[in-house]
Amino acid sequence: MNRAAELLLQTSDFTSFSKLHTDAKTNICRVTKARWEETEPGLWRFEITADRFLRNMVRAVVGTLIDVGRGRISEKDFADIIAQKNRCAAGESVPGNALSLVNIVYPQELFLTD
């Protein structure tokens, strides 16, 4: 799953993982970190960092990466799903109840200075 997740760092268009028919003007995002970590035996955490997230993006990415981990799709299939830019090609979204926002960092130039 981590090898497939690394492909996200090379991706700019996340249409395959975005909810359809939103008011987003673009599906371009820059993912800077995407990694699975086993926090204790049998318990895994996925951490993703980006300059922005699309609606439903993280849930769809995680669901599709789980398909890779379960052997339902290959790493190549995951790359093909990204390239298709088709939400219907990706896996099911995981439930949002385990999703948590940890931190938000805004560029310094957004803040007013005296």
PDB file of N, CA and C in Angstrom:
ATOM      1  N   MET A   1       0.826  -1.193   0.000  1.00  0.00           N
ATOM      2  CA  MET A   1       0.000   0.000   0.000  1.00  0.00           C
ATOM      3  C   MET A   1       0.868   1.253   0.000  1.00  0.00           C
ATOM      4  N   ASN A   2       2.004   1.207   0.679  1.00  0.00           N
ATOM      5  CA  ASN A   2       2.878   2.380   0.690  1.00  0.00           C
ATOM      6  C   ASN A   2       3.481   2.654  -0.683  1.00  0.00           C
ATOM      7  N   ARG A   3       3.814   1.609  -1.426  1.00  0.00           N
ATOM      8  CA  ARG A   3       4.337   1.847  -2.779  1.00  0.00           C
ATOM      9  C   ARG A   3       3.272   2.504  -3.651  1.00  0.00           C
ATOM     10  N   ALA A   4       2.034   2.062  -3.538  1.00  0.00           N
ATOM     11  CA  ALA A   4       0.952   2.689  -4.299  1.00  0.00           C
ATOM     12  C   ALA A   4       0.715   4.115  -3.810  1.00  0.00           C
ATOM     13  N   ALA A   5       0.773   4.326  -2.500  1.00  0.00           N
ATOM     14  CA  ALA A   5       0.567   5.662  -1.936  1.00  0.00           C
ATOM     15  C   ALA A   5       1.615   6.647  -2.434  1.00  0.00           C
ATOM     16  N   GLU A   6       2.837   6.177  -2.697  1.00  0.00           N
ATOM     17  CA  GLU A   6       3.888   7.055  -3.217  1.00  0.00           C
ATOM     18  C   GLU A   6       3.503   7.666  -4.561  1.00  0.00           C
ATOM     19  N   LEU A   7       2.662   6.983  -5.319  1.00  0.00           N
ATOM     20  CA  LEU A   7       2.211   7.520  -6.604  1.00  0.00           C
ATOM     21  C   LEU A   7       1.432   8.821  -6.427  1.00  0.00           C
ATOM     22  N   LEU A   8       0.817   8.982  -5.270  1.00  0.00           N
ATOM     23  CA  LEU A   8       0.049  10.205  -5.014  1.00  0.00           C
ATOM     24  C   LEU A   8       0.949  11.433  -4.984  1.00  0.00           C
ATOM     25  N   LEU A   9       2.204  11.259  -4.607  1.00  0.00           N
ATOM     26  CA  LEU A   9       3.143  12.374  -4.553  1.00  0.00           C
ATOM     27  C   LEU A   9       3.536  12.849  -5.942  1.00  0.00           C
ATOM     28  N   GLN A  10       3.323  12.004  -6.936  1.00  0.00           N
ATOM     29  CA  GLN A  10       3.649  12.332  -8.323  1.00  0.00           C
ATOM     30  C   GLN A  10       2.407  12.750  -9.109  1.00  0.00           C
ATOM     31  N   THR A  11       1.285  12.833  -8.435  1.00  0.00           N
ATOM     32  CA  THR A  11       0.001  13.118  -9.070  1.00  0.00           C
ATOM     33  C   THR A  11      -0.402  14.558  -8.819  1.00  0.00           C
ATOM     34  N   SER A  12      -1.022  15.179  -9.813  1.00  0.00           N
ATOM     35  CA  SER A  12      -1.556  16.529  -9.595  1.00  0.00           C
ATOM     36  C   SER A  12      -3.077  16.555  -9.729  1.00  0.00           C
ATOM     37  N   ASP A  13      -3.631  15.758 -10.617  1.00  0.00           N
ATOM     38  CA  ASP A  13      -5.078  15.763 -10.848  1.00  0.00           C
ATOM     39  C   ASP A  13      -5.724  14.608 -10.087  1.00  0.00           C
ATOM     40  N   PHE A  14      -6.555  14.950  -9.110  1.00  0.00           N
ATOM     41  CA  PHE A  14      -7.176  13.940  -8.241  1.00  0.00           C
ATOM     42  C   PHE A  14      -8.658  13.730  -8.567  1.00  0.00           C
ATOM     43  N   THR A  15      -9.021  13.916  -9.822  1.00  0.00           N
ATOM     44  CA  THR A  15     -10.412  13.730 -10.239  1.00  0.00           C
ATOM     45  C   THR A  15     -10.926  12.339  -9.878  1.00  0.00           C
ATOM     46  N   SER A  16     -10.078  11.324  -9.972  1.00  0.00           N
ATOM     47  CA  SER A  16     -10.510   9.951  -9.680  1.00  0.00           C
ATOM     48  C   SER A  16     -10.925   9.758  -8.229  1.00  0.00           C
ATOM     49  N   PHE A  17     -10.540  10.690  -7.368  1.00  0.00           N
ATOM     50  CA  PHE A  17     -10.841  10.553  -5.947  1.00  0.00           C
ATOM     51  C   PHE A  17     -11.731  11.677  -5.424  1.00  0.00           C
ATOM     52  N   SER A  18     -12.317  12.441  -6.311  1.00  0.00           N
ATOM     53  CA  SER A  18     -13.156  13.569  -5.907  1.00  0.00           C
ATOM     54  C   SER A  18     -14.635  13.228  -6.049  1.00  0.00           C
ATOM     55  N   LYS A  19     -15.416  13.724  -5.147  1.00  0.00           N
ATOM     56  CA  LYS A  19     -16.859  13.595  -5.280  1.00  0.00           C
ATOM     57  C   LYS A  19     -17.275  14.262  -6.588  1.00  0.00           C
ATOM     58  N   LEU A  20     -18.210  13.664  -7.280  1.00  0.00           N
ATOM     59  CA  LEU A  20     -18.668  14.208  -8.558  1.00  0.00           C
ATOM     60  C   LEU A  20     -19.560  15.427  -8.363  1.00  0.00           C
ATOM     61  N   HIS A  21     -19.543  16.306  -9.340  1.00  0.00           N
ATOM     62  CA  HIS A  21     -20.452  17.455  -9.421  1.00  0.00           C
ATOM     63  C   HIS A  21     -20.349  18.388  -8.215  1.00  0.00           C
ATOM     64  N   THR A  22     -19.132  18.735  -7.848  1.00  0.00           N
ATOM     65  CA  THR A  22     -18.944  19.720  -6.785  1.00  0.00           C
ATOM     66  C   THR A  22     -18.690  21.080  -7.432  1.00  0.00           C
ATOM     67  N   ASP A  23     -18.589  22.099  -6.616  1.00  0.00           N
ATOM     68  CA  ASP A  23     -18.328  23.434  -7.165  1.00  0.00           C
ATOM     69  C   ASP A  23     -16.837  23.764  -7.208  1.00  0.00           C
ATOM     70  N   ALA A  24     -15.974  22.761  -7.021  1.00  0.00           N
ATOM     71  CA  ALA A  24     -14.528  22.992  -7.102  1.00  0.00           C
ATOM     72  C   ALA A  24     -14.160  23.408  -8.516  1.00  0.00           C
ATOM     73  N   LYS A  25     -13.362  24.450  -8.624  1.00  0.00           N
ATOM     74  CA  LYS A  25     -12.966  24.944  -9.938  1.00  0.00           C
ATOM     75  C   LYS A  25     -11.884  24.076 -10.582  1.00  0.00           C
ATOM     76  N   THR A  26     -11.131  23.353  -9.756  1.00  0.00           N
ATOM     77  CA  THR A  26     -10.084  22.475 -10.262  1.00  0.00           C
ATOM     78  C   THR A  26      -9.920  21.286  -9.307  1.00  0.00           C
ATOM     79  N   ASN A  27      -9.451  20.193  -9.843  1.00  0.00           N
ATOM     80  CA  ASN A  27      -9.168  19.006  -9.033  1.00  0.00           C
ATOM     81  C   ASN A  27      -7.662  18.812  -8.846  1.00  0.00           C
ATOM     82  N   ILE A  28      -6.927  19.889  -9.021  1.00  0.00           N
ATOM     83  CA  ILE A  28      -5.475  19.861  -8.871  1.00  0.00           C
ATOM     84  C   ILE A  28      -5.109  20.061  -7.400  1.00  0.00           C
ATOM     85  N   CYS A  29      -4.294  19.159  -6.875  1.00  0.00           N
ATOM     86  CA  CYS A  29      -3.802  19.216  -5.496  1.00  0.00           C
ATOM     87  C   CYS A  29      -2.334  18.789  -5.521  1.00  0.00           C
ATOM     88  N   ARG A  30      -1.615  19.168  -4.495  1.00  0.00           N
ATOM     89  CA  ARG A  30      -0.216  18.740  -4.368  1.00  0.00           C
ATOM     90  C   ARG A  30      -0.076  17.976  -3.055  1.00  0.00           C
ATOM     91  N   VAL A  31       0.018  16.671  -3.167  1.00  0.00           N
ATOM     92  CA  VAL A  31       0.205  15.815  -1.992  1.00  0.00           C
ATOM     93  C   VAL A  31       1.697  15.752  -1.686  1.00  0.00           C
ATOM     94  N   THR A  32       2.049  16.014  -0.445  1.00  0.00           N
ATOM     95  CA  THR A  32       3.461  16.016  -0.043  1.00  0.00           C
ATOM     96  C   THR A  32       3.811  14.837   0.867  1.00  0.00           C
ATOM     97  N   LYS A  33       2.806  14.162   1.382  1.00  0.00           N
ATOM     98  CA  LYS A  33       3.037  12.975   2.203  1.00  0.00           C
ATOM     99  C   LYS A  33       1.823  12.064   2.086  1.00  0.00           C
ATOM    100  N   ALA A  34       2.072  10.783   1.939  1.00  0.00           N
ATOM    101  CA  ALA A  34       1.015   9.773   1.916  1.00  0.00           C
ATOM    102  C   ALA A  34       1.654   8.467   2.358  1.00  0.00           C
ATOM    103  N   ARG A  35       1.322   8.035   3.558  1.00  0.00           N
ATOM    104  CA  ARG A  35       2.030   6.882   4.138  1.00  0.00           C
ATOM    105  C   ARG A  35       1.163   6.133   5.139  1.00  0.00           C
ATOM    106  N   TRP A  36       1.224   4.803   5.055  1.00  0.00           N
ATOM    107  CA  TRP A  36       0.599   3.913   6.025  1.00  0.00           C
ATOM    108  C   TRP A  36       1.614   3.582   7.103  1.00  0.00           C
ATOM    109  N   GLU A  37       1.150   3.498   8.344  1.00  0.00           N
ATOM    110  CA  GLU A  37       2.015   3.132   9.462  1.00  0.00           C
ATOM    111  C   GLU A  37       1.237   2.197  10.381  1.00  0.00           C
ATOM    112  N   GLU A  38       1.878   1.101  10.766  1.00  0.00           N
ATOM    113  CA  GLU A  38       1.265   0.186  11.725  1.00  0.00           C
ATOM    114  C   GLU A  38       1.561   0.723  13.121  1.00  0.00           C
ATOM    115  N   THR A  39       0.554   1.241  13.789  1.00  0.00           N
ATOM    116  CA  THR A  39       0.746   1.874  15.092  1.00  0.00           C
ATOM    117  C   THR A  39       0.820   0.864  16.224  1.00  0.00           C
ATOM    118  N   GLU A  40       0.172  -0.263  16.055  1.00  0.00           N
ATOM    119  CA  GLU A  40       0.276  -1.417  16.945  1.00  0.00           C
ATOM    120  C   GLU A  40      -0.147  -2.621  16.122  1.00  0.00           C
ATOM    121  N   PRO A  41       0.162  -3.830  16.556  1.00  0.00           N
ATOM    122  CA  PRO A  41      -0.131  -5.000  15.729  1.00  0.00           C
ATOM    123  C   PRO A  41      -1.592  -5.023  15.249  1.00  0.00           C
ATOM    124  N   GLY A  42      -1.745  -5.034  13.927  1.00  0.00           N
ATOM    125  CA  GLY A  42      -3.071  -5.094  13.328  1.00  0.00           C
ATOM    126  C   GLY A  42      -3.800  -3.766  13.227  1.00  0.00           C
ATOM    127  N   LEU A  43      -3.211  -2.679  13.707  1.00  0.00           N
ATOM    128  CA  LEU A  43      -3.852  -1.360  13.669  1.00  0.00           C
ATOM    129  C   LEU A  43      -3.014  -0.433  12.793  1.00  0.00           C
ATOM    130  N   TRP A  44      -3.614   0.043  11.713  1.00  0.00           N
ATOM    131  CA  TRP A  44      -2.902   0.856  10.734  1.00  0.00           C
ATOM    132  C   TRP A  44      -3.468   2.265  10.686  1.00  0.00           C
ATOM    133  N   ARG A  45      -2.589   3.222  10.427  1.00  0.00           N
ATOM    134  CA  ARG A  45      -2.991   4.623  10.280  1.00  0.00           C
ATOM    135  C   ARG A  45      -2.434   5.136   8.955  1.00  0.00           C
ATOM    136  N   PHE A  46      -3.266   5.880   8.232  1.00  0.00           N
ATOM    137  CA  PHE A  46      -2.830   6.507   6.992  1.00  0.00           C
ATOM    138  C   PHE A  46      -2.720   7.999   7.244  1.00  0.00           C
ATOM    139  N   GLU A  47      -1.570   8.550   6.913  1.00  0.00           N
ATOM    140  CA  GLU A  47      -1.354   9.985   7.080  1.00  0.00           C
ATOM    141  C   GLU A  47      -1.110  10.598   5.703  1.00  0.00           C
ATOM    142  N   ILE A  48      -1.842  11.663   5.421  1.00  0.00           N
ATOM    143  CA  ILE A  48      -1.706  12.341   4.137  1.00  0.00           C
ATOM    144  C   ILE A  48      -1.640  13.843   4.384  1.00  0.00           C
ATOM    145  N   THR A  49      -0.740  14.497   3.667  1.00  0.00           N
ATOM    146  CA  THR A  49      -0.556  15.937   3.762  1.00  0.00           C
ATOM    147  C   THR A  49      -0.619  16.505   2.352  1.00  0.00           C
ATOM    148  N   ALA A  50      -1.322  17.610   2.203  1.00  0.00           N
ATOM    149  CA  ALA A  50      -1.444  18.231   0.876  1.00  0.00           C
ATOM    150  C   ALA A  50      -1.725  19.715   1.019  1.00  0.00           C
ATOM    151  N   ASP A  51      -1.604  20.424  -0.092  1.00  0.00           N
ATOM    152  CA  ASP A  51      -1.909  21.850  -0.073  1.00  0.00           C
ATOM    153  C   ASP A  51      -3.415  22.113  -0.047  1.00  0.00           C
ATOM    154  N   ARG A  52      -4.201  21.102  -0.385  1.00  0.00           N
ATOM    155  CA  ARG A  52      -5.660  21.170  -0.300  1.00  0.00           C
ATOM    156  C   ARG A  52      -6.219  19.773  -0.510  1.00  0.00           C
ATOM    157  N   PHE A  53      -7.465  19.570  -0.096  1.00  0.00           N
ATOM    158  CA  PHE A  53      -8.145  18.301  -0.312  1.00  0.00           C
ATOM    159  C   PHE A  53      -9.483  18.570  -0.977  1.00  0.00           C
ATOM    160  N   LEU A  54      -9.852  17.693  -1.877  1.00  0.00           N
ATOM    161  CA  LEU A  54     -11.154  17.762  -2.524  1.00  0.00           C
ATOM    162  C   LEU A  54     -12.182  17.059  -1.644  1.00  0.00           C
ATOM    163  N   ARG A  55     -13.427  17.358  -1.901  1.00  0.00           N
ATOM    164  CA  ARG A  55     -14.496  16.707  -1.148  1.00  0.00           C
ATOM    165  C   ARG A  55     -14.443  15.195  -1.376  1.00  0.00           C
ATOM    166  N   ASN A  56     -14.379  14.441  -0.312  1.00  0.00           N
ATOM    167  CA  ASN A  56     -14.362  12.973  -0.325  1.00  0.00           C
ATOM    168  C   ASN A  56     -13.019  12.378  -0.774  1.00  0.00           C
ATOM    169  N   MET A  57     -12.028  13.220  -1.050  1.00  0.00           N
ATOM    170  CA  MET A  57     -10.765  12.737  -1.607  1.00  0.00           C
ATOM    171  C   MET A  57     -10.053  11.735  -0.705  1.00  0.00           C
ATOM    172  N   VAL A  58      -9.868  12.061   0.551  1.00  0.00           N
ATOM    173  CA  VAL A  58      -9.108  11.178   1.444  1.00  0.00           C
ATOM    174  C   VAL A  58      -9.837   9.853   1.632  1.00  0.00           C
ATOM    175  N   ARG A  59     -11.133   9.905   1.802  1.00  0.00           N
ATOM    176  CA  ARG A  59     -11.903   8.672   1.988  1.00  0.00           C
ATOM    177  C   ARG A  59     -11.813   7.769   0.762  1.00  0.00           C
ATOM    178  N   ALA A  60     -11.838   8.355  -0.446  1.00  0.00           N
ATOM    179  CA  ALA A  60     -11.733   7.572  -1.683  1.00  0.00           C
ATOM    180  C   ALA A  60     -10.321   7.032  -1.879  1.00  0.00           C
ATOM    181  N   VAL A  61      -9.304   7.836  -1.570  1.00  0.00           N
ATOM    182  CA  VAL A  61      -7.916   7.375  -1.669  1.00  0.00           C
ATOM    183  C   VAL A  61      -7.703   6.188  -0.737  1.00  0.00           C
ATOM    184  N   VAL A  62      -8.136   6.320   0.505  1.00  0.00           N
ATOM    185  CA  VAL A  62      -7.940   5.243   1.482  1.00  0.00           C
ATOM    186  C   VAL A  62      -8.671   3.977   1.038  1.00  0.00           C
ATOM    187  N   GLY A  63      -9.898   4.101   0.594  1.00  0.00           N
ATOM    188  CA  GLY A  63     -10.647   2.929   0.134  1.00  0.00           C
ATOM    189  C   GLY A  63      -9.966   2.223  -1.021  1.00  0.00           C
ATOM    190  N   THR A  64      -9.411   2.998  -1.936  1.00  0.00           N
ATOM    191  CA  THR A  64      -8.725   2.413  -3.088  1.00  0.00           C
ATOM    192  C   THR A  64      -7.392   1.791  -2.679  1.00  0.00           C
ATOM    193  N   LEU A  65      -6.661   2.434  -1.767  1.00  0.00           N
ATOM    194  CA  LEU A  65      -5.412   1.844  -1.271  1.00  0.00           C
ATOM    195  C   LEU A  65      -5.667   0.559  -0.491  1.00  0.00           C
ATOM    196  N   ILE A  66      -6.768   0.492   0.218  1.00  0.00           N
ATOM    197  CA  ILE A  66      -7.123  -0.750   0.917  1.00  0.00           C
ATOM    198  C   ILE A  66      -7.361  -1.862  -0.102  1.00  0.00           C
ATOM    199  N   ASP A  67      -7.957  -1.527  -1.249  1.00  0.00           N
ATOM    200  CA  ASP A  67      -8.122  -2.523  -2.316  1.00  0.00           C
ATOM    201  C   ASP A  67      -6.765  -3.054  -2.777  1.00  0.00           C
ATOM    202  N   VAL A  68      -5.762  -2.169  -2.835  1.00  0.00           N
ATOM    203  CA  VAL A  68      -4.406  -2.613  -3.180  1.00  0.00           C
ATOM    204  C   VAL A  68      -3.901  -3.570  -2.103  1.00  0.00           C
ATOM    205  N   GLY A  69      -4.042  -3.186  -0.847  1.00  0.00           N
ATOM    206  CA  GLY A  69      -3.568  -4.015   0.256  1.00  0.00           C
ATOM    207  C   GLY A  69      -4.231  -5.375   0.323  1.00  0.00           C
ATOM    208  N   ARG A  70      -5.473  -5.444  -0.061  1.00  0.00           N
ATOM    209  CA  ARG A  70      -6.209  -6.718  -0.045  1.00  0.00           C
ATOM    210  C   ARG A  70      -5.978  -7.536  -1.308  1.00  0.00           C
ATOM    211  N   GLY A  71      -5.198  -6.998  -2.252  1.00  0.00           N
ATOM    212  CA  GLY A  71      -4.900  -7.723  -3.482  1.00  0.00           C
ATOM    213  C   GLY A  71      -6.009  -7.666  -4.513  1.00  0.00           C
ATOM    214  N   ARG A  72      -6.993  -6.827  -4.311  1.00  0.00           N
ATOM    215  CA  ARG A  72      -8.087  -6.701  -5.286  1.00  0.00           C
ATOM    216  C   ARG A  72      -7.627  -5.975  -6.537  1.00  0.00           C
ATOM    217  N   ILE A  73      -6.690  -5.026  -6.359  1.00  0.00           N
ATOM    218  CA  ILE A  73      -6.102  -4.327  -7.491  1.00  0.00           C
ATOM    219  C   ILE A  73      -4.592  -4.253  -7.258  1.00  0.00           C
ATOM    220  N   SER A  74      -3.856  -4.097  -8.348  1.00  0.00           N
ATOM    221  CA  SER A  74      -2.395  -4.012  -8.264  1.00  0.00           C
ATOM    222  C   SER A  74      -1.953  -2.546  -8.166  1.00  0.00           C
ATOM    223  N   GLU A  75      -0.672  -2.358  -7.926  1.00  0.00           N
ATOM    224  CA  GLU A  75      -0.121  -0.999  -7.943  1.00  0.00           C
ATOM    225  C   GLU A  75      -0.321  -0.369  -9.320  1.00  0.00           C
ATOM    226  N   LYS A  76      -0.153  -1.159 -10.374  1.00  0.00           N
ATOM    227  CA  LYS A  76      -0.372  -0.654 -11.732  1.00  0.00           C
ATOM    228  C   LYS A  76      -1.834  -0.250 -11.915  1.00  0.00           C
ATOM    229  N   ASP A  77      -2.745  -1.060 -11.396  1.00  0.00           N
ATOM    230  CA  ASP A  77      -4.171  -0.705 -11.468  1.00  0.00           C
ATOM    231  C   ASP A  77      -4.418   0.626 -10.769  1.00  0.00           C
ATOM    232  N   PHE A  78      -3.765   0.838  -9.628  1.00  0.00           N
ATOM    233  CA  PHE A  78      -3.911   2.087  -8.884  1.00  0.00           C
ATOM    234  C   PHE A  78      -3.426   3.256  -9.738  1.00  0.00           C
ATOM    235  N   ALA A  79      -2.286   3.085 -10.388  1.00  0.00           N
ATOM    236  CA  ALA A  79      -1.766   4.129 -11.280  1.00  0.00           C
ATOM    237  C   ALA A  79      -2.733   4.388 -12.432  1.00  0.00           C
ATOM    238  N   ASP A  80      -3.313   3.329 -12.971  1.00  0.00           N
ATOM    239  CA  ASP A  80      -4.278   3.474 -14.066  1.00  0.00           C
ATOM    240  C   ASP A  80      -5.530   4.213 -13.607  1.00  0.00           C
ATOM    241  N   ILE A  81      -5.976   3.945 -12.386  1.00  0.00           N
ATOM    242  CA  ILE A  81      -7.149   4.644 -11.828  1.00  0.00           C
ATOM    243  C   ILE A  81      -6.869   6.132 -11.743  1.00  0.00           C
ATOM    244  N   ILE A  82      -5.686   6.494 -11.277  1.00  0.00           N
ATOM    245  CA  ILE A  82      -5.315   7.912 -11.209  1.00  0.00           C
ATOM    246  C   ILE A  82      -5.359   8.527 -12.610  1.00  0.00           C
ATOM    247  N   ALA A  83      -4.761   7.837 -13.585  1.00  0.00           N
ATOM    248  CA  ALA A  83      -4.665   8.359 -14.955  1.00  0.00           C
ATOM    249  C   ALA A  83      -6.028   8.490 -15.632  1.00  0.00           C
ATOM    250  N   GLN A  84      -6.979   7.645 -15.261  1.00  0.00           N
ATOM    251  CA  GLN A  84      -8.303   7.683 -15.892  1.00  0.00           C
ATOM    252  C   GLN A  84      -9.083   8.949 -15.562  1.00  0.00           C
ATOM    253  N   LYS A  85      -8.789   9.559 -14.416  1.00  0.00           N
ATOM    254  CA  LYS A  85      -9.518  10.763 -13.978  1.00  0.00           C
ATOM    255  C   LYS A  85     -11.030  10.513 -14.011  1.00  0.00           C
ATOM    256  N   ASN A  86     -11.390   9.371 -13.445  1.00  0.00           N
ATOM    257  CA  ASN A  86     -12.785   8.928 -13.441  1.00  0.00           C
ATOM    258  C   ASN A  86     -13.100   8.377 -12.047  1.00  0.00           C
ATOM    259  N   ARG A  87     -13.946   9.058 -11.310  1.00  0.00           N
ATOM    260  CA  ARG A  87     -14.282   8.639  -9.941  1.00  0.00           C
ATOM    261  C   ARG A  87     -14.853   7.225  -9.912  1.00  0.00           C
ATOM    262  N   CYS A  88     -15.558   6.834 -10.953  1.00  0.00           N
ATOM    263  CA  CYS A  88     -16.159   5.495 -10.981  1.00  0.00           C
ATOM    264  C   CYS A  88     -15.105   4.390 -11.062  1.00  0.00           C
ATOM    265  N   ALA A  89     -13.881   4.720 -11.482  1.00  0.00           N
ATOM    266  CA  ALA A  89     -12.817   3.721 -11.588  1.00  0.00           C
ATOM    267  C   ALA A  89     -12.202   3.409 -10.234  1.00  0.00           C
ATOM    268  N   ALA A  90     -12.248   4.345  -9.304  1.00  0.00           N
ATOM    269  CA  ALA A  90     -11.621   4.164  -7.987  1.00  0.00           C
ATOM    270  C   ALA A  90     -12.485   3.286  -7.089  1.00  0.00           C
ATOM    271  N   GLY A  91     -11.911   2.892  -5.967  1.00  0.00           N
ATOM    272  CA  GLY A  91     -12.627   2.055  -5.011  1.00  0.00           C
ATOM    273  C   GLY A  91     -13.666   2.830  -4.225  1.00  0.00           C
ATOM    274  N   GLU A  92     -14.340   2.110  -3.354  1.00  0.00           N
ATOM    275  CA  GLU A  92     -15.359   2.735  -2.510  1.00  0.00           C
ATOM    276  C   GLU A  92     -14.705   3.617  -1.458  1.00  0.00           C
ATOM    277  N   SER A  93     -15.403   4.659  -1.087  1.00  0.00           N
ATOM    278  CA  SER A  93     -14.929   5.533  -0.015  1.00  0.00           C
ATOM    279  C   SER A  93     -15.118   4.831   1.325  1.00  0.00           C
ATOM    280  N   VAL A  94     -14.134   4.984   2.193  1.00  0.00           N
ATOM    281  CA  VAL A  94     -14.277   4.432   3.539  1.00  0.00           C
ATOM    282  C   VAL A  94     -15.164   5.378   4.354  1.00  0.00           C
ATOM    283  N   PRO A  95     -15.789   4.883   5.413  1.00  0.00           N
ATOM    284  CA  PRO A  95     -16.604   5.754   6.262  1.00  0.00           C
ATOM    285  C   PRO A  95     -15.755   6.865   6.879  1.00  0.00           C
ATOM    286  N   GLY A  96     -16.345   8.006   7.087  1.00  0.00           N
ATOM    287  CA  GLY A  96     -15.623   9.162   7.610  1.00  0.00           C
ATOM    288  C   GLY A  96     -15.452   9.166   9.112  1.00  0.00           C
ATOM    289  N   ASN A  97     -16.028   8.207   9.828  1.00  0.00           N
ATOM    290  CA  ASN A  97     -15.990   8.258  11.300  1.00  0.00           C
ATOM    291  C   ASN A  97     -14.587   8.073  11.879  1.00  0.00           C
ATOM    292  N   ALA A  98     -13.650   7.519  11.112  1.00  0.00           N
ATOM    293  CA  ALA A  98     -12.289   7.340  11.626  1.00  0.00           C
ATOM    294  C   ALA A  98     -11.339   8.413  11.097  1.00  0.00           C
ATOM    295  N   LEU A  99     -11.871   9.340  10.338  1.00  0.00           N
ATOM    296  CA  LEU A  99     -11.062  10.399   9.749  1.00  0.00           C
ATOM    297  C   LEU A  99     -10.912  11.547  10.734  1.00  0.00           C
ATOM    298  N   SER A 100      -9.683  12.040  10.873  1.00  0.00           N
ATOM    299  CA  SER A 100      -9.501  13.184  11.765  1.00  0.00           C
ATOM    300  C   SER A 100      -8.518  14.174  11.147  1.00  0.00           C
ATOM    301  N   LEU A 101      -8.848  15.431  11.269  1.00  0.00           N
ATOM    302  CA  LEU A 101      -7.980  16.512  10.830  1.00  0.00           C
ATOM    303  C   LEU A 101      -7.032  16.828  11.976  1.00  0.00           C
ATOM    304  N   VAL A 102      -5.740  16.775  11.708  1.00  0.00           N
ATOM    305  CA  VAL A 102      -4.763  16.960  12.769  1.00  0.00           C
ATOM    306  C   VAL A 102      -4.233  18.384  12.806  1.00  0.00           C
ATOM    307  N   ASN A 103      -3.984  18.975  11.646  1.00  0.00           N
ATOM    308  CA  ASN A 103      -3.351  20.283  11.641  1.00  0.00           C
ATOM    309  C   ASN A 103      -3.625  21.009  10.333  1.00  0.00           C
ATOM    310  N   ILE A 104      -3.694  22.325  10.403  1.00  0.00           N
ATOM    311  CA  ILE A 104      -3.809  23.172   9.220  1.00  0.00           C
ATOM    312  C   ILE A 104      -2.683  24.193   9.299  1.00  0.00           C
ATOM    313  N   VAL A 105      -1.955  24.349   8.207  1.00  0.00           N
ATOM    314  CA  VAL A 105      -0.879  25.337   8.145  1.00  0.00           C
ATOM    315  C   VAL A 105      -1.188  26.262   6.971  1.00  0.00           C
ATOM    316  N   TYR A 106      -1.303  27.552   7.255  1.00  0.00           N
ATOM    317  CA  TYR A 106      -1.541  28.544   6.217  1.00  0.00           C
ATOM    318  C   TYR A 106      -0.235  29.232   5.852  1.00  0.00           C
ATOM    319  N   PRO A 107      -0.078  29.607   4.586  1.00  0.00           N
ATOM    320  CA  PRO A 107       1.125  30.348   4.193  1.00  0.00           C
ATOM    321  C   PRO A 107       1.193  31.680   4.963  1.00  0.00           C
ATOM    322  N   GLN A 108       2.375  32.047   5.385  1.00  0.00           N
ATOM    323  CA  GLN A 108       2.573  33.250   6.191  1.00  0.00           C
ATOM    324  C   GLN A 108       2.075  34.506   5.470  1.00  0.00           C
ATOM    325  N   GLU A 109       2.173  34.540   4.149  1.00  0.00           N
ATOM    326  CA  GLU A 109       1.773  35.743   3.405  1.00  0.00           C
ATOM    327  C   GLU A 109       0.266  36.030   3.474  1.00  0.00           C
ATOM    328  N   LEU A 110      -0.508  35.093   3.975  1.00  0.00           N
ATOM    329  CA  LEU A 110      -1.938  35.332   4.135  1.00  0.00           C
ATOM    330  C   LEU A 110      -2.268  36.201   5.338  1.00  0.00           C
ATOM    331  N   PHE A 111      -1.346  36.320   6.255  1.00  0.00           N
ATOM    332  CA  PHE A 111      -1.593  37.057   7.498  1.00  0.00           C
ATOM    333  C   PHE A 111      -1.228  38.533   7.344  1.00  0.00           C
ATOM    334  N   LEU A 112      -2.058  39.369   7.926  1.00  0.00           N
ATOM    335  CA  LEU A 112      -1.784  40.800   7.935  1.00  0.00           C
ATOM    336  C   LEU A 112      -0.674  41.101   8.944  1.00  0.00           C
ATOM    337  N   THR A 113       0.198  42.003   8.569  1.00  0.00           N
ATOM    338  CA  THR A 113       1.249  42.411   9.498  1.00  0.00           C
ATOM    339  C   THR A 113       1.145  43.912   9.739  1.00  0.00           C
ATOM    340  N   ASP A 114       1.565  44.351  10.884  1.00  0.00           N
ATOM    341  CA  ASP A 114       1.512  45.779  11.212  1.00  0.00           C
ATOM    342  C   ASP A 114       2.637  46.539  10.559  1.00  0.00           C
TER     343      ASP A 114
END
